[in-house]
Amino acid sequence: MMQFLAKAGLAAMLITGTLASTAVPAAAQFSIIIGDPEREPPRDYRRPPPGFDRRPRGCDPRLAEDLARDYGLRRARVVDITPRRVIVQGWTRRGPDEMSFGNVRGCPALRRR
């Protein structure tokens, strides 16, 4: 019986040694490359690219000044920007005047004093 256990133990050691030595090189050489390996990964279209600056969604001050000039204000300049309004002051034939534009895209005219 002792001789049988010794042979079985020796056989088990030989099998585990053989399997352990063949598994490592086979795993190291196994690689699957589909396509060009130097190609960059596909772009994720759900996010903006890095370095992408979103433009402000409000009224652009230069556009507000241009619109005020179109309405007849001379030397128009932006004097205040609030979350709701962009206020532009300038001169008309009657003297100093002020216009308010909505602080949304397109700068809609709100009122003229």
PDB file of N, CA and C in Angstrom:
ATOM      1  N   MET A   1       0.821  -1.194   0.000  1.00  0.00           N
ATOM      2  CA  MET A   1       0.000   0.000   0.000  1.00  0.00           C
ATOM      3  C   MET A   1       0.859   1.250   0.000  1.00  0.00           C
ATOM      4  N   MET A   2       1.961   1.165   0.779  1.00  0.00           N
ATOM      5  CA  MET A   2       2.851   2.311   0.867  1.00  0.00           C
ATOM      6  C   MET A   2       3.516   2.587  -0.471  1.00  0.00           C
ATOM      7  N   GLN A   3       3.818   1.532  -1.176  1.00  0.00           N
ATOM      8  CA  GLN A   3       4.442   1.692  -2.476  1.00  0.00           C
ATOM      9  C   GLN A   3       3.460   2.346  -3.464  1.00  0.00           C
ATOM     10  N   PHE A   4       2.200   1.990  -3.386  1.00  0.00           N
ATOM     11  CA  PHE A   4       1.171   2.578  -4.251  1.00  0.00           C
ATOM     12  C   PHE A   4       1.010   4.074  -3.996  1.00  0.00           C
ATOM     13  N   LEU A   5       0.979   4.494  -2.713  1.00  0.00           N
ATOM     14  CA  LEU A   5       0.852   5.918  -2.373  1.00  0.00           C
ATOM     15  C   LEU A   5       2.074   6.710  -2.822  1.00  0.00           C
ATOM     16  N   ALA A   6       3.246   6.120  -2.743  1.00  0.00           N
ATOM     17  CA  ALA A   6       4.462   6.803  -3.180  1.00  0.00           C
ATOM     18  C   ALA A   6       4.428   7.021  -4.683  1.00  0.00           C
ATOM     19  N   LYS A   7       4.006   6.015  -5.438  1.00  0.00           N
ATOM     20  CA  LYS A   7       3.910   6.156  -6.891  1.00  0.00           C
ATOM     21  C   LYS A   7       2.842   7.176  -7.285  1.00  0.00           C
ATOM     22  N   ALA A   8       1.730   7.178  -6.576  1.00  0.00           N
ATOM     23  CA  ALA A   8       0.653   8.131  -6.876  1.00  0.00           C
ATOM     24  C   ALA A   8       1.086   9.561  -6.558  1.00  0.00           C
ATOM     25  N   GLY A   9       1.818   9.735  -5.450  1.00  0.00           N
ATOM     26  CA  GLY A   9       2.330  11.070  -5.095  1.00  0.00           C
ATOM     27  C   GLY A   9       3.341  11.560  -6.110  1.00  0.00           C
ATOM     28  N   LEU A  10       4.222  10.695  -6.573  1.00  0.00           N
ATOM     29  CA  LEU A  10       5.209  11.052  -7.579  1.00  0.00           C
ATOM     30  C   LEU A  10       4.528  11.411  -8.901  1.00  0.00           C
ATOM     31  N   ALA A  11       3.523  10.658  -9.265  1.00  0.00           N
ATOM     32  CA  ALA A  11       2.787  10.949 -10.499  1.00  0.00           C
ATOM     33  C   ALA A  11       2.065  12.285 -10.395  1.00  0.00           C
ATOM     34  N   ALA A  12       1.485  12.576  -9.238  1.00  0.00           N
ATOM     35  CA  ALA A  12       0.788  13.855  -9.047  1.00  0.00           C
ATOM     36  C   ALA A  12       1.757  15.026  -9.124  1.00  0.00           C
ATOM     37  N   MET A  13       2.957  14.876  -8.554  1.00  0.00           N
ATOM     38  CA  MET A  13       3.959  15.944  -8.614  1.00  0.00           C
ATOM     39  C   MET A  13       4.427  16.162 -10.049  1.00  0.00           C
ATOM     40  N   LEU A  14       4.613  15.088 -10.789  1.00  0.00           N
ATOM     41  CA  LEU A  14       5.024  15.222 -12.186  1.00  0.00           C
ATOM     42  C   LEU A  14       3.938  15.923 -13.018  1.00  0.00           C
ATOM     43  N   ILE A  15       2.703  15.583 -12.803  1.00  0.00           N
ATOM     44  CA  ILE A  15       1.596  16.186 -13.556  1.00  0.00           C
ATOM     45  C   ILE A  15       1.469  17.676 -13.241  1.00  0.00           C
ATOM     46  N   THR A  16       1.508  18.054 -11.963  1.00  0.00           N
ATOM     47  CA  THR A  16       1.383  19.467 -11.607  1.00  0.00           C
ATOM     48  C   THR A  16       2.575  20.272 -12.092  1.00  0.00           C
ATOM     49  N   GLY A  17       3.771  19.710 -12.044  1.00  0.00           N
ATOM     50  CA  GLY A  17       4.953  20.409 -12.547  1.00  0.00           C
ATOM     51  C   GLY A  17       4.890  20.623 -14.040  1.00  0.00           C
ATOM     52  N   THR A  18       4.432  19.617 -14.755  1.00  0.00           N
ATOM     53  CA  THR A  18       4.308  19.716 -16.212  1.00  0.00           C
ATOM     54  C   THR A  18       3.252  20.735 -16.603  1.00  0.00           C
ATOM     55  N   LEU A  19       2.124  20.702 -15.941  1.00  0.00           N
ATOM     56  CA  LEU A  19       1.054  21.661 -16.261  1.00  0.00           C
ATOM     57  C   LEU A  19       1.457  23.089 -15.906  1.00  0.00           C
ATOM     58  N   ALA A  20       2.141  23.280 -14.800  1.00  0.00           N
ATOM     59  CA  ALA A  20       2.543  24.619 -14.379  1.00  0.00           C
ATOM     60  C   ALA A  20       3.592  25.191 -15.325  1.00  0.00           C
ATOM     61  N   SER A  21       4.498  24.357 -15.805  1.00  0.00           N
ATOM     62  CA  SER A  21       5.555  24.862 -16.683  1.00  0.00           C
ATOM     63  C   SER A  21       5.042  25.142 -18.092  1.00  0.00           C
ATOM     64  N   THR A  22       4.007  24.489 -18.538  1.00  0.00           N
ATOM     65  CA  THR A  22       3.487  24.732 -19.888  1.00  0.00           C
ATOM     66  C   THR A  22       2.454  25.849 -19.923  1.00  0.00           C
ATOM     67  N   ALA A  23       1.839  26.144 -18.824  1.00  0.00           N
ATOM     68  CA  ALA A  23       0.780  27.159 -18.825  1.00  0.00           C
ATOM     69  C   ALA A  23       1.341  28.570 -18.926  1.00  0.00           C
ATOM     70  N   VAL A  24       2.469  28.864 -18.311  1.00  0.00           N
ATOM     71  CA  VAL A  24       3.011  30.217 -18.302  1.00  0.00           C
ATOM     72  C   VAL A  24       3.493  30.651 -19.689  1.00  0.00           C
ATOM     73  N   PRO A  25       4.320  29.888 -20.399  1.00  0.00           N
ATOM     74  CA  PRO A  25       4.735  30.344 -21.729  1.00  0.00           C
ATOM     75  C   PRO A  25       3.575  30.418 -22.717  1.00  0.00           C
ATOM     76  N   ALA A  26       2.627  29.520 -22.606  1.00  0.00           N
ATOM     77  CA  ALA A  26       1.498  29.560 -23.521  1.00  0.00           C
ATOM     78  C   ALA A  26       0.672  30.821 -23.283  1.00  0.00           C
ATOM     79  N   ALA A  27       0.492  31.230 -22.039  1.00  0.00           N
ATOM     80  CA  ALA A  27      -0.281  32.432 -21.742  1.00  0.00           C
ATOM     81  C   ALA A  27       0.474  33.683 -22.164  1.00  0.00           C
ATOM     82  N   ALA A  28       1.804  33.657 -22.079  1.00  0.00           N
ATOM     83  CA  ALA A  28       2.596  34.826 -22.429  1.00  0.00           C
ATOM     84  C   ALA A  28       2.592  35.059 -23.937  1.00  0.00           C
ATOM     85  N   GLN A  29       2.457  34.020 -24.740  1.00  0.00           N
ATOM     86  CA  GLN A  29       2.491  34.171 -26.181  1.00  0.00           C
ATOM     87  C   GLN A  29       1.104  34.361 -26.776  1.00  0.00           C
ATOM     88  N   PHE A  30       0.089  34.288 -25.989  1.00  0.00           N
ATOM     89  CA  PHE A  30      -1.275  34.350 -26.501  1.00  0.00           C
ATOM     90  C   PHE A  30      -1.761  35.791 -26.512  1.00  0.00           C
ATOM     91  N   SER A  31      -1.917  36.365 -27.707  1.00  0.00           N
ATOM     92  CA  SER A  31      -2.490  37.707 -27.829  1.00  0.00           C
ATOM     93  C   SER A  31      -3.226  37.795 -29.159  1.00  0.00           C
ATOM     94  N   ILE A  32      -4.372  38.402 -29.113  1.00  0.00           N
ATOM     95  CA  ILE A  32      -5.172  38.586 -30.317  1.00  0.00           C
ATOM     96  C   ILE A  32      -5.247  40.075 -30.600  1.00  0.00           C
ATOM     97  N   ILE A  33      -4.823  40.483 -31.791  1.00  0.00           N
ATOM     98  CA  ILE A  33      -4.880  41.885 -32.200  1.00  0.00           C
ATOM     99  C   ILE A  33      -5.774  41.968 -33.417  1.00  0.00           C
ATOM    100  N   ILE A  34      -6.833  42.730 -33.297  1.00  0.00           N
ATOM    101  CA  ILE A  34      -7.749  42.923 -34.405  1.00  0.00           C
ATOM    102  C   ILE A  34      -7.574  44.348 -34.894  1.00  0.00           C
ATOM    103  N   GLY A  35      -7.198  44.503 -36.145  1.00  0.00           N
ATOM    104  CA  GLY A  35      -6.996  45.832 -36.690  1.00  0.00           C
ATOM    105  C   GLY A  35      -5.568  46.297 -36.481  1.00  0.00           C
ATOM    106  N   ASP A  36      -5.360  47.593 -36.601  1.00  0.00           N
ATOM    107  CA  ASP A  36      -4.033  48.188 -36.490  1.00  0.00           C
ATOM    108  C   ASP A  36      -3.700  48.414 -35.021  1.00  0.00           C
ATOM    109  N   PRO A  37      -2.579  47.858 -34.506  1.00  0.00           N
ATOM    110  CA  PRO A  37      -2.272  48.025 -33.078  1.00  0.00           C
ATOM    111  C   PRO A  37      -1.857  49.442 -32.712  1.00  0.00           C
ATOM    112  N   GLU A  38      -1.402  50.252 -33.682  1.00  0.00           N
ATOM    113  CA  GLU A  38      -0.963  51.610 -33.375  1.00  0.00           C
ATOM    114  C   GLU A  38      -2.088  52.630 -33.523  1.00  0.00           C
ATOM    115  N   ARG A  39      -3.246  52.181 -33.818  1.00  0.00           N
ATOM    116  CA  ARG A  39      -4.390  53.062 -34.004  1.00  0.00           C
ATOM    117  C   ARG A  39      -4.942  53.495 -32.655  1.00  0.00           C
ATOM    118  N   GLU A  40      -5.405  54.745 -32.565  1.00  0.00           N
ATOM    119  CA  GLU A  40      -5.960  55.240 -31.300  1.00  0.00           C
ATOM    120  C   GLU A  40      -7.321  54.622 -31.039  1.00  0.00           C
ATOM    121  N   PRO A  41      -7.741  54.563 -29.793  1.00  0.00           N
ATOM    122  CA  PRO A  41      -9.033  53.939 -29.476  1.00  0.00           C
ATOM    123  C   PRO A  41     -10.179  54.761 -30.062  1.00  0.00           C
ATOM    124  N   PRO A  42     -11.335  54.141 -30.266  1.00  0.00           N
ATOM    125  CA  PRO A  42     -12.457  54.874 -30.849  1.00  0.00           C
ATOM    126  C   PRO A  42     -12.920  56.001 -29.936  1.00  0.00           C
ATOM    127  N   ARG A  43     -13.410  57.058 -30.543  1.00  0.00           N
ATOM    128  CA  ARG A  43     -13.815  58.250 -29.805  1.00  0.00           C
ATOM    129  C   ARG A  43     -15.150  58.023 -29.094  1.00  0.00           C
ATOM    130  N   ASP A  44     -15.262  58.538 -27.895  1.00  0.00           N
ATOM    131  CA  ASP A  44     -16.504  58.457 -27.131  1.00  0.00           C
ATOM    132  C   ASP A  44     -17.320  59.703 -27.454  1.00  0.00           C
ATOM    133  N   TYR A  45     -18.384  59.540 -28.207  1.00  0.00           N
ATOM    134  CA  TYR A  45     -19.180  60.676 -28.664  1.00  0.00           C
ATOM    135  C   TYR A  45     -20.158  61.184 -27.614  1.00  0.00           C
ATOM    136  N   ARG A  46     -20.217  60.520 -26.467  1.00  0.00           N
ATOM    137  CA  ARG A  46     -21.132  60.979 -25.426  1.00  0.00           C
ATOM    138  C   ARG A  46     -20.567  62.146 -24.644  1.00  0.00           C
ATOM    139  N   ARG A  47     -19.244  62.371 -24.723  1.00  0.00           N
ATOM    140  CA  ARG A  47     -18.603  63.450 -23.983  1.00  0.00           C
ATOM    141  C   ARG A  47     -17.900  64.389 -24.954  1.00  0.00           C
ATOM    142  N   PRO A  48     -17.788  65.660 -24.597  1.00  0.00           N
ATOM    143  CA  PRO A  48     -17.020  66.561 -25.465  1.00  0.00           C
ATOM    144  C   PRO A  48     -15.538  66.224 -25.384  1.00  0.00           C
ATOM    145  N   PRO A  49     -14.797  66.515 -26.439  1.00  0.00           N
ATOM    146  CA  PRO A  49     -13.369  66.192 -26.412  1.00  0.00           C
ATOM    147  C   PRO A  49     -12.638  67.008 -25.358  1.00  0.00           C
ATOM    148  N   PRO A  50     -11.487  66.537 -24.890  1.00  0.00           N
ATOM    149  CA  PRO A  50     -10.757  67.299 -23.876  1.00  0.00           C
ATOM    150  C   PRO A  50     -10.314  68.645 -24.438  1.00  0.00           C
ATOM    151  N   GLY A  51     -10.393  69.659 -23.608  1.00  0.00           N
ATOM    152  CA  GLY A  51     -10.030  71.002 -24.042  1.00  0.00           C
ATOM    153  C   GLY A  51     -11.171  71.731 -24.723  1.00  0.00           C
ATOM    154  N   PHE A  52     -12.346  71.134 -24.778  1.00  0.00           N
ATOM    155  CA  PHE A  52     -13.491  71.751 -25.432  1.00  0.00           C
ATOM    156  C   PHE A  52     -14.123  72.753 -24.481  1.00  0.00           C
ATOM    157  N   ASP A  53     -14.184  74.007 -24.895  1.00  0.00           N
ATOM    158  CA  ASP A  53     -14.802  75.048 -24.079  1.00  0.00           C
ATOM    159  C   ASP A  53     -16.204  75.311 -24.597  1.00  0.00           C
ATOM    160  N   ARG A  54     -17.142  75.181 -23.709  1.00  0.00           N
ATOM    161  CA  ARG A  54     -18.506  75.503 -24.118  1.00  0.00           C
ATOM    162  C   ARG A  54     -18.676  77.008 -24.139  1.00  0.00           C
ATOM    163  N   ARG A  55     -19.295  77.482 -25.169  1.00  0.00           N
ATOM    164  CA  ARG A  55     -19.541  78.912 -25.252  1.00  0.00           C
ATOM    165  C   ARG A  55     -20.649  79.273 -24.275  1.00  0.00           C
ATOM    166  N   PRO A  56     -20.566  80.470 -23.709  1.00  0.00           N
ATOM    167  CA  PRO A  56     -21.634  80.857 -22.795  1.00  0.00           C
ATOM    168  C   PRO A  56     -22.956  80.942 -23.545  1.00  0.00           C
ATOM    169  N   ARG A  57     -23.990  80.494 -22.907  1.00  0.00           N
ATOM    170  CA  ARG A  57     -25.288  80.451 -23.572  1.00  0.00           C
ATOM    171  C   ARG A  57     -26.041  81.766 -23.476  1.00  0.00           C
ATOM    172  N   GLY A  58     -25.487  82.702 -22.752  1.00  0.00           N
ATOM    173  CA  GLY A  58     -26.165  83.974 -22.592  1.00  0.00           C
ATOM    174  C   GLY A  58     -25.885  84.915 -23.751  1.00  0.00           C
ATOM    175  N   CYS A  59     -26.244  86.153 -23.549  1.00  0.00           N
ATOM    176  CA  CYS A  59     -26.076  87.200 -24.551  1.00  0.00           C
ATOM    177  C   CYS A  59     -24.609  87.626 -24.606  1.00  0.00           C
ATOM    178  N   ASP A  60     -24.047  87.655 -25.794  1.00  0.00           N
ATOM    179  CA  ASP A  60     -22.682  88.115 -25.974  1.00  0.00           C
ATOM    180  C   ASP A  60     -22.663  89.639 -25.870  1.00  0.00           C
ATOM    181  N   PRO A  61     -21.789  90.223 -25.041  1.00  0.00           N
ATOM    182  CA  PRO A  61     -21.776  91.674 -24.877  1.00  0.00           C
ATOM    183  C   PRO A  61     -21.527  92.437 -26.184  1.00  0.00           C
ATOM    184  N   ARG A  62     -20.696  91.884 -27.065  1.00  0.00           N
ATOM    185  CA  ARG A  62     -20.454  92.564 -28.351  1.00  0.00           C
ATOM    186  C   ARG A  62     -21.714  92.587 -29.208  1.00  0.00           C
ATOM    187  N   LEU A  63     -22.483  91.505 -29.161  1.00  0.00           N
ATOM    188  CA  LEU A  63     -23.728  91.473 -29.917  1.00  0.00           C
ATOM    189  C   LEU A  63     -24.721  92.476 -29.345  1.00  0.00           C
ATOM    190  N   ALA A  64     -24.763  92.597 -28.020  1.00  0.00           N
ATOM    191  CA  ALA A  64     -25.666  93.578 -27.403  1.00  0.00           C
ATOM    192  C   ALA A  64     -25.281  95.000 -27.814  1.00  0.00           C
ATOM    193  N   GLU A  65     -23.987  95.299 -27.863  1.00  0.00           N
ATOM    194  CA  GLU A  65     -23.552  96.630 -28.302  1.00  0.00           C
ATOM    195  C   GLU A  65     -23.911  96.868 -29.761  1.00  0.00           C
ATOM    196  N   ASP A  66     -23.721  95.863 -30.602  1.00  0.00           N
ATOM    197  CA  ASP A  66     -24.071  96.012 -32.022  1.00  0.00           C
ATOM    198  C   ASP A  66     -25.570  96.228 -32.199  1.00  0.00           C
ATOM    199  N   LEU A  67     -26.375  95.497 -31.446  1.00  0.00           N
ATOM    200  CA  LEU A  67     -27.828  95.689 -31.535  1.00  0.00           C
ATOM    201  C   LEU A  67     -28.228  97.070 -31.053  1.00  0.00           C
ATOM    202  N   ALA A  68     -27.592  97.557 -29.986  1.00  0.00           N
ATOM    203  CA  ALA A  68     -27.903  98.901 -29.486  1.00  0.00           C
ATOM    204  C   ALA A  68     -27.541  99.951 -30.542  1.00  0.00           C
ATOM    205  N   ARG A  69     -26.430  99.752 -31.241  1.00  0.00           N
ATOM    206  CA  ARG A  69     -26.080 100.681 -32.330  1.00  0.00           C
ATOM    207  C   ARG A  69     -27.118 100.623 -33.440  1.00  0.00           C
ATOM    208  N   ASP A  70     -27.628  99.445 -33.733  1.00  0.00           N
ATOM    209  CA  ASP A  70     -28.676  99.322 -34.758  1.00  0.00           C
ATOM    210  C   ASP A  70     -29.951 100.043 -34.335  1.00  0.00           C
ATOM    211  N   TYR A  71     -30.225 100.084 -33.030  1.00  0.00           N
ATOM    212  CA  TYR A  71     -31.393 100.802 -32.532  1.00  0.00           C
ATOM    213  C   TYR A  71     -31.163 102.311 -32.448  1.00  0.00           C
ATOM    214  N   GLY A  72     -29.952 102.782 -32.691  1.00  0.00           N
ATOM    215  CA  GLY A  72     -29.706 104.218 -32.727  1.00  0.00           C
ATOM    216  C   GLY A  72     -28.837 104.759 -31.612  1.00  0.00           C
ATOM    217  N   LEU A  73     -28.306 103.933 -30.755  1.00  0.00           N
ATOM    218  CA  LEU A  73     -27.410 104.419 -29.706  1.00  0.00           C
ATOM    219  C   LEU A  73     -26.009 104.621 -30.286  1.00  0.00           C
ATOM    220  N   ARG A  74     -25.406 105.775 -29.978  1.00  0.00           N
ATOM    221  CA  ARG A  74     -24.027 106.016 -30.374  1.00  0.00           C
ATOM    222  C   ARG A  74     -23.128 105.784 -29.168  1.00  0.00           C
ATOM    223  N   ARG A  75     -21.893 105.409 -29.419  1.00  0.00           N
ATOM    224  CA  ARG A  75     -20.918 105.106 -28.368  1.00  0.00           C
ATOM    225  C   ARG A  75     -21.521 104.129 -27.338  1.00  0.00           C
ATOM    226  N   ALA A  76     -22.133 103.091 -27.832  1.00  0.00           N
ATOM    227  CA  ALA A  76     -22.782 102.106 -26.962  1.00  0.00           C
ATOM    228  C   ALA A  76     -21.732 101.266 -26.247  1.00  0.00           C
ATOM    229  N   ARG A  77     -21.962 101.018 -24.959  1.00  0.00           N
ATOM    230  CA  ARG A  77     -21.065 100.170 -24.185  1.00  0.00           C
ATOM    231  C   ARG A  77     -21.875  99.430 -23.122  1.00  0.00           C
ATOM    232  N   VAL A  78     -21.442  98.237 -22.826  1.00  0.00           N
ATOM    233  CA  VAL A  78     -22.111  97.417 -21.818  1.00  0.00           C
ATOM    234  C   VAL A  78     -21.660  97.915 -20.450  1.00  0.00           C
ATOM    235  N   VAL A  79     -22.640  98.227 -19.583  1.00  0.00           N
ATOM    236  CA  VAL A  79     -22.306  98.717 -18.245  1.00  0.00           C
ATOM    237  C   VAL A  79     -22.602  97.701 -17.151  1.00  0.00           C
ATOM    238  N   ASP A  80     -23.495  96.734 -17.409  1.00  0.00           N
ATOM    239  CA  ASP A  80     -23.836  95.760 -16.373  1.00  0.00           C
ATOM    240  C   ASP A  80     -24.370  94.496 -17.030  1.00  0.00           C
ATOM    241  N   ILE A  81     -23.989  93.358 -16.454  1.00  0.00           N
ATOM    242  CA  ILE A  81     -24.511  92.066 -16.904  1.00  0.00           C
ATOM    243  C   ILE A  81     -25.019  91.335 -15.674  1.00  0.00           C
ATOM    244  N   THR A  82     -26.301  91.030 -15.658  1.00  0.00           N
ATOM    245  CA  THR A  82     -26.919  90.276 -14.576  1.00  0.00           C
ATOM    246  C   THR A  82     -27.340  88.916 -15.137  1.00  0.00           C
ATOM    247  N   PRO A  83     -27.789  88.003 -14.294  1.00  0.00           N
ATOM    248  CA  PRO A  83     -28.239  86.714 -14.840  1.00  0.00           C
ATOM    249  C   PRO A  83     -29.423  86.841 -15.796  1.00  0.00           C
ATOM    250  N   ARG A  84     -30.182  87.938 -15.688  1.00  0.00           N
ATOM    251  CA  ARG A  84     -31.345  88.099 -16.556  1.00  0.00           C
ATOM    252  C   ARG A  84     -31.178  89.146 -17.651  1.00  0.00           C
ATOM    253  N   ARG A  85     -30.346  90.149 -17.410  1.00  0.00           N
ATOM    254  CA  ARG A  85     -30.274  91.266 -18.348  1.00  0.00           C
ATOM    255  C   ARG A  85     -28.835  91.650 -18.673  1.00  0.00           C
ATOM    256  N   VAL A  86     -28.697  92.291 -19.841  1.00  0.00           N
ATOM    257  CA  VAL A  86     -27.459  92.949 -20.239  1.00  0.00           C
ATOM    258  C   VAL A  86     -27.845  94.399 -20.504  1.00  0.00           C
ATOM    259  N   ILE A  87     -27.230  95.328 -19.760  1.00  0.00           N
ATOM    260  CA  ILE A  87     -27.601  96.741 -19.853  1.00  0.00           C
ATOM    261  C   ILE A  87     -26.532  97.474 -20.654  1.00  0.00           C
ATOM    262  N   VAL A  88     -26.976  98.221 -21.671  1.00  0.00           N
ATOM    263  CA  VAL A  88     -26.090  98.958 -22.557  1.00  0.00           C
ATOM    264  C   VAL A  88     -26.452 100.430 -22.465  1.00  0.00           C
ATOM    265  N   GLN A  89     -25.448 101.276 -22.274  1.00  0.00           N
ATOM    266  CA  GLN A  89     -25.675 102.717 -22.259  1.00  0.00           C
ATOM    267  C   GLN A  89     -24.992 103.341 -23.459  1.00  0.00           C
ATOM    268  N   GLY A  90     -25.582 104.452 -23.913  1.00  0.00           N
ATOM    269  CA  GLY A  90     -25.025 105.177 -25.044  1.00  0.00           C
ATOM    270  C   GLY A  90     -25.693 106.539 -25.158  1.00  0.00           C
ATOM    271  N   TRP A  91     -25.538 107.166 -26.313  1.00  0.00           N
ATOM    272  CA  TRP A  91     -26.075 108.505 -26.537  1.00  0.00           C
ATOM    273  C   TRP A  91     -27.020 108.495 -27.731  1.00  0.00           C
ATOM    274  N   THR A  92     -28.098 109.281 -27.617  1.00  0.00           N
ATOM    275  CA  THR A  92     -29.000 109.533 -28.730  1.00  0.00           C
ATOM    276  C   THR A  92     -29.005 111.039 -28.988  1.00  0.00           C
ATOM    277  N   ARG A  93     -29.896 111.503 -29.865  1.00  0.00           N
ATOM    278  CA  ARG A  93     -29.995 112.946 -30.124  1.00  0.00           C
ATOM    279  C   ARG A  93     -30.479 113.693 -28.893  1.00  0.00           C
ATOM    280  N   ARG A  94     -31.206 113.013 -28.032  1.00  0.00           N
ATOM    281  CA  ARG A  94     -31.771 113.664 -26.850  1.00  0.00           C
ATOM    282  C   ARG A  94     -30.836 113.613 -25.636  1.00  0.00           C
ATOM    283  N   GLY A  95     -29.746 112.876 -25.726  1.00  0.00           N
ATOM    284  CA  GLY A  95     -28.837 112.768 -24.593  1.00  0.00           C
ATOM    285  C   GLY A  95     -28.547 111.320 -24.240  1.00  0.00           C
ATOM    286  N   PRO A  96     -28.082 111.104 -23.015  1.00  0.00           N
ATOM    287  CA  PRO A  96     -27.751 109.719 -22.635  1.00  0.00           C
ATOM    288  C   PRO A  96     -28.998 108.845 -22.581  1.00  0.00           C
ATOM    289  N   ASP A  97     -28.812 107.598 -22.968  1.00  0.00           N
ATOM    290  CA  ASP A  97     -29.932 106.652 -22.998  1.00  0.00           C
ATOM    291  C   ASP A  97     -29.415 105.269 -22.602  1.00  0.00           C
ATOM    292  N   GLU A  98     -30.336 104.388 -22.280  1.00  0.00           N
ATOM    293  CA  GLU A  98     -29.987 103.056 -21.805  1.00  0.00           C
ATOM    294  C   GLU A  98     -30.949 102.047 -22.399  1.00  0.00           C
ATOM    295  N   MET A  99     -30.414 100.862 -22.772  1.00  0.00           N
ATOM    296  CA  MET A  99     -31.242  99.765 -23.287  1.00  0.00           C
ATOM    297  C   MET A  99     -30.950  98.505 -22.484  1.00  0.00           C
ATOM    298  N   SER A 100     -31.950  97.666 -22.373  1.00  0.00           N
ATOM    299  CA  SER A 100     -31.791  96.379 -21.695  1.00  0.00           C
ATOM    300  C   SER A 100     -32.071  95.263 -22.685  1.00  0.00           C
ATOM    301  N   PHE A 101     -31.216  94.247 -22.644  1.00  0.00           N
ATOM    302  CA  PHE A 101     -31.385  93.067 -23.484  1.00  0.00           C
ATOM    303  C   PHE A 101     -31.463  91.848 -22.577  1.00  0.00           C
ATOM    304  N   GLY A 102     -32.222  90.852 -23.004  1.00  0.00           N
ATOM    305  CA  GLY A 102     -32.317  89.610 -22.246  1.00  0.00           C
ATOM    306  C   GLY A 102     -31.005  88.840 -22.329  1.00  0.00           C
ATOM    307  N   ASN A 103     -30.581  88.269 -21.222  1.00  0.00           N
ATOM    308  CA  ASN A 103     -29.320  87.525 -21.181  1.00  0.00           C
ATOM    309  C   ASN A 103     -29.553  86.078 -21.625  1.00  0.00           C
ATOM    310  N   VAL A 104     -30.051  85.920 -22.831  1.00  0.00           N
ATOM    311  CA  VAL A 104     -30.220  84.621 -23.471  1.00  0.00           C
ATOM    312  C   VAL A 104     -29.632  84.734 -24.871  1.00  0.00           C
ATOM    313  N   ARG A 105     -29.490  83.608 -25.534  1.00  0.00           N
ATOM    314  CA  ARG A 105     -28.904  83.618 -26.870  1.00  0.00           C
ATOM    315  C   ARG A 105     -29.755  84.468 -27.807  1.00  0.00           C
ATOM    316  N   GLY A 106     -29.112  85.327 -28.553  1.00  0.00           N
ATOM    317  CA  GLY A 106     -29.818  86.192 -29.484  1.00  0.00           C
ATOM    318  C   GLY A 106     -30.047  87.590 -28.957  1.00  0.00           C
ATOM    319  N   CYS A 107     -29.908  87.824 -27.691  1.00  0.00           N
ATOM    320  CA  CYS A 107     -30.041  89.132 -27.038  1.00  0.00           C
ATOM    321  C   CYS A 107     -31.346  89.844 -27.422  1.00  0.00           C
ATOM    322  N   PRO A 108     -32.513  89.338 -27.035  1.00  0.00           N
ATOM    323  CA  PRO A 108     -33.748  90.053 -27.359  1.00  0.00           C
ATOM    324  C   PRO A 108     -33.832  91.360 -26.581  1.00  0.00           C
ATOM    325  N   ALA A 109     -34.302  92.404 -27.254  1.00  0.00           N
ATOM    326  CA  ALA A 109     -34.445  93.715 -26.610  1.00  0.00           C
ATOM    327  C   ALA A 109     -35.591  93.666 -25.613  1.00  0.00           C
ATOM    328  N   LEU A 110     -35.346  94.141 -24.383  1.00  0.00           N
ATOM    329  CA  LEU A 110     -36.385  94.146 -23.360  1.00  0.00           C
ATOM    330  C   LEU A 110     -37.046  95.521 -23.257  1.00  0.00           C
ATOM    331  N   ARG A 111     -36.224  96.569 -23.081  1.00  0.00           N
ATOM    332  CA  ARG A 111     -36.817  97.893 -22.990  1.00  0.00           C
ATOM    333  C   ARG A 111     -35.753  98.945 -23.256  1.00  0.00           C
ATOM    334  N   ARG A 112     -36.257 100.158 -23.507  1.00  0.00           N
ATOM    335  CA  ARG A 112     -35.390 101.291 -23.738  1.00  0.00           C
ATOM    336  C   ARG A 112     -35.879 102.412 -22.852  1.00  0.00           C
ATOM    337  N   ARG A 113     -34.995 103.005 -22.082  1.00  0.00           N
ATOM    338  CA  ARG A 113     -35.412 104.087 -21.193  1.00  0.00           C
ATOM    339  C   ARG A 113     -35.392 105.407 -21.882  1.00  0.00           C
TER     340      ARG A 113
END
